[in-house]
């Protein structure tokens, strides 16, 4: 799975490939859509883990 840190690098690589004519605009848009989807999924997962950690901390403090 793509990490949060890798997404900007993938965007840059896709943009460079588009500018060099290595990929079409349609393929470029597909790549960006996929990166957006992955970033949303990662955020949901991270938010879930943060909530669990907060709950556990509160549980331990009581």
N, C-alpha and C. Protein backbone atom coordinates (compact mmCIF):
# COMPACT_ATOMS: atom_id res chain seq x y z
N UNK A 1 0.84 -1.17 0.00
CA UNK A 1 0.00 0.00 0.00
C UNK A 1 0.89 1.24 0.00
N UNK A 2 0.41 2.25 -0.62
CA UNK A 2 1.12 3.51 -0.72
C UNK A 2 1.10 4.23 0.62
N UNK A 3 2.23 4.74 1.04
CA UNK A 3 2.26 5.47 2.30
C UNK A 3 1.95 6.94 2.05
N UNK A 4 1.61 7.61 3.13
CA UNK A 4 1.27 9.03 3.07
C UNK A 4 2.41 9.84 2.45
N UNK A 5 3.63 9.47 2.79
CA UNK A 5 4.80 10.21 2.31
C UNK A 5 5.06 9.99 0.83
N UNK A 6 4.63 8.86 0.29
CA UNK A 6 4.90 8.53 -1.10
C UNK A 6 3.97 9.24 -2.08
N UNK A 7 2.79 9.62 -1.63
CA UNK A 7 1.79 10.21 -2.53
C UNK A 7 2.31 11.44 -3.28
N UNK A 8 2.92 12.41 -2.60
CA UNK A 8 3.41 13.58 -3.34
C UNK A 8 4.46 13.21 -4.40
N UNK A 9 5.30 12.23 -4.09
CA UNK A 9 6.32 11.80 -5.06
C UNK A 9 5.68 11.15 -6.27
N UNK A 10 4.63 10.36 -6.03
CA UNK A 10 3.91 9.72 -7.14
C UNK A 10 3.23 10.78 -8.01
N UNK A 11 2.69 11.81 -7.38
CA UNK A 11 2.05 12.90 -8.14
C UNK A 11 3.08 13.61 -9.03
N UNK A 12 4.26 13.86 -8.48
CA UNK A 12 5.31 14.52 -9.25
C UNK A 12 5.75 13.64 -10.41
N UNK A 13 5.93 12.36 -10.15
CA UNK A 13 6.36 11.43 -11.20
C UNK A 13 5.31 11.34 -12.30
N UNK A 14 4.04 11.31 -11.92
CA UNK A 14 2.96 11.25 -12.91
C UNK A 14 2.95 12.53 -13.75
N UNK A 15 3.13 13.66 -13.11
CA UNK A 15 3.15 14.95 -13.83
C UNK A 15 4.31 14.99 -14.82
N UNK A 16 5.47 14.54 -14.40
CA UNK A 16 6.63 14.52 -15.29
C UNK A 16 6.41 13.58 -16.46
N UNK A 17 5.81 12.43 -16.20
CA UNK A 17 5.52 11.48 -17.28
C UNK A 17 4.54 12.08 -18.27
N UNK A 18 3.55 12.81 -17.77
CA UNK A 18 2.59 13.48 -18.66
C UNK A 18 3.30 14.53 -19.51
N UNK A 19 4.13 15.34 -18.89
CA UNK A 19 4.84 16.40 -19.61
C UNK A 19 5.79 15.85 -20.67
N UNK A 20 6.36 14.68 -20.41
CA UNK A 20 7.28 14.06 -21.38
C UNK A 20 6.54 13.25 -22.44
N UNK A 21 5.23 13.15 -22.31
CA UNK A 21 4.44 12.41 -23.28
C UNK A 21 4.46 10.90 -23.08
N UNK A 22 4.89 10.46 -21.91
CA UNK A 22 4.96 9.03 -21.63
C UNK A 22 3.60 8.44 -21.26
N UNK A 23 2.70 9.28 -20.76
CA UNK A 23 1.34 8.84 -20.45
C UNK A 23 0.35 9.87 -21.00
N UNK A 24 -0.88 9.42 -21.18
CA UNK A 24 -1.92 10.32 -21.68
C UNK A 24 -2.53 11.11 -20.52
N UNK A 25 -3.27 12.14 -20.87
CA UNK A 25 -3.97 12.94 -19.86
C UNK A 25 -4.98 12.05 -19.11
N UNK A 26 -5.63 11.14 -19.84
CA UNK A 26 -6.60 10.24 -19.20
C UNK A 26 -5.91 9.35 -18.16
N UNK A 27 -4.75 8.82 -18.50
CA UNK A 27 -4.00 7.97 -17.57
C UNK A 27 -3.53 8.79 -16.37
N UNK A 28 -3.09 10.01 -16.63
CA UNK A 28 -2.66 10.91 -15.56
C UNK A 28 -3.81 11.14 -14.58
N UNK A 29 -4.99 11.40 -15.11
CA UNK A 29 -6.16 11.62 -14.26
C UNK A 29 -6.52 10.37 -13.46
N UNK A 30 -6.36 9.20 -14.08
CA UNK A 30 -6.60 7.94 -13.37
C UNK A 30 -5.65 7.79 -12.19
N UNK A 31 -4.40 8.11 -12.42
CA UNK A 31 -3.38 8.02 -11.36
C UNK A 31 -3.73 8.96 -10.21
N UNK A 32 -4.11 10.20 -10.55
CA UNK A 32 -4.47 11.15 -9.50
C UNK A 32 -5.70 10.70 -8.72
N UNK A 33 -6.68 10.16 -9.42
CA UNK A 33 -7.88 9.64 -8.75
C UNK A 33 -7.52 8.51 -7.80
N UNK A 34 -6.65 7.62 -8.24
CA UNK A 34 -6.22 6.50 -7.40
C UNK A 34 -5.45 6.99 -6.18
N UNK A 35 -4.58 7.97 -6.37
CA UNK A 35 -3.83 8.54 -5.24
C UNK A 35 -4.78 9.20 -4.24
N UNK A 36 -5.78 9.92 -4.74
CA UNK A 36 -6.77 10.54 -3.86
C UNK A 36 -7.52 9.48 -3.05
N UNK A 37 -7.91 8.39 -3.71
CA UNK A 37 -8.64 7.31 -3.04
C UNK A 37 -7.78 6.70 -1.94
N UNK A 38 -6.53 6.43 -2.26
CA UNK A 38 -5.62 5.82 -1.28
C UNK A 38 -5.40 6.76 -0.09
N UNK A 39 -5.23 8.05 -0.36
CA UNK A 39 -5.03 9.00 0.73
C UNK A 39 -6.26 9.07 1.63
N UNK A 40 -7.46 9.03 1.05
CA UNK A 40 -8.68 9.03 1.86
C UNK A 40 -8.76 7.79 2.74
N UNK A 41 -8.43 6.63 2.16
CA UNK A 41 -8.46 5.38 2.93
C UNK A 41 -7.44 5.41 4.07
N UNK A 42 -6.25 5.92 3.78
CA UNK A 42 -5.22 6.02 4.82
C UNK A 42 -5.68 6.93 5.95
N UNK A 43 -6.31 8.05 5.60
CA UNK A 43 -6.79 8.99 6.61
C UNK A 43 -7.85 8.33 7.48
N UNK A 44 -8.78 7.59 6.87
CA UNK A 44 -9.81 6.90 7.65
C UNK A 44 -9.17 5.91 8.62
N UNK A 45 -8.19 5.17 8.12
CA UNK A 45 -7.51 4.17 8.95
C UNK A 45 -6.76 4.85 10.09
N UNK A 46 -6.07 5.93 9.78
CA UNK A 46 -5.32 6.67 10.81
C UNK A 46 -6.26 7.24 11.86
N UNK A 47 -7.39 7.81 11.41
CA UNK A 47 -8.36 8.37 12.35
C UNK A 47 -8.90 7.28 13.28
N UNK A 48 -9.13 6.10 12.73
CA UNK A 48 -9.64 4.98 13.53
C UNK A 48 -8.63 4.60 14.61
N UNK A 49 -7.35 4.51 14.24
CA UNK A 49 -6.32 4.14 15.21
C UNK A 49 -6.14 5.22 16.28
N UNK A 50 -6.27 6.46 15.87
CA UNK A 50 -6.16 7.57 16.84
C UNK A 50 -7.29 7.49 17.85
N UNK A 51 -8.51 7.24 17.38
CA UNK A 51 -9.65 7.11 18.30
C UNK A 51 -9.44 5.96 19.28
N UNK A 52 -8.96 4.83 18.76
CA UNK A 52 -8.71 3.67 19.63
C UNK A 52 -7.66 4.00 20.69
N UNK A 53 -6.60 4.69 20.28
CA UNK A 53 -5.54 5.05 21.22
C UNK A 53 -6.06 6.01 22.28
N UNK A 54 -6.85 6.99 21.88
CA UNK A 54 -7.42 7.93 22.85
C UNK A 54 -8.32 7.21 23.84
N UNK A 55 -9.14 6.30 23.33
CA UNK A 55 -10.03 5.53 24.21
C UNK A 55 -9.22 4.72 25.22
N UNK A 56 -8.15 4.10 24.76
CA UNK A 56 -7.31 3.28 25.64
C UNK A 56 -6.64 4.15 26.71
N UNK A 57 -6.17 5.32 26.31
CA UNK A 57 -5.53 6.24 27.27
C UNK A 57 -6.53 6.68 28.32
N UNK A 58 -7.73 7.05 27.87
CA UNK A 58 -8.77 7.45 28.82
C UNK A 58 -9.11 6.31 29.77
N UNK A 59 -9.17 5.10 29.24
CA UNK A 59 -9.47 3.92 30.04
C UNK A 59 -8.40 3.71 31.13
N UNK A 60 -7.15 3.90 30.76
CA UNK A 60 -6.05 3.70 31.70
C UNK A 60 -5.98 4.80 32.76
N UNK A 61 -6.47 5.97 32.43
CA UNK A 61 -6.39 7.10 33.36
C UNK A 61 -7.49 7.06 34.41
N UNK A 62 -8.52 6.28 34.18
CA UNK A 62 -9.64 6.24 35.13
C UNK A 62 -9.36 5.34 36.29
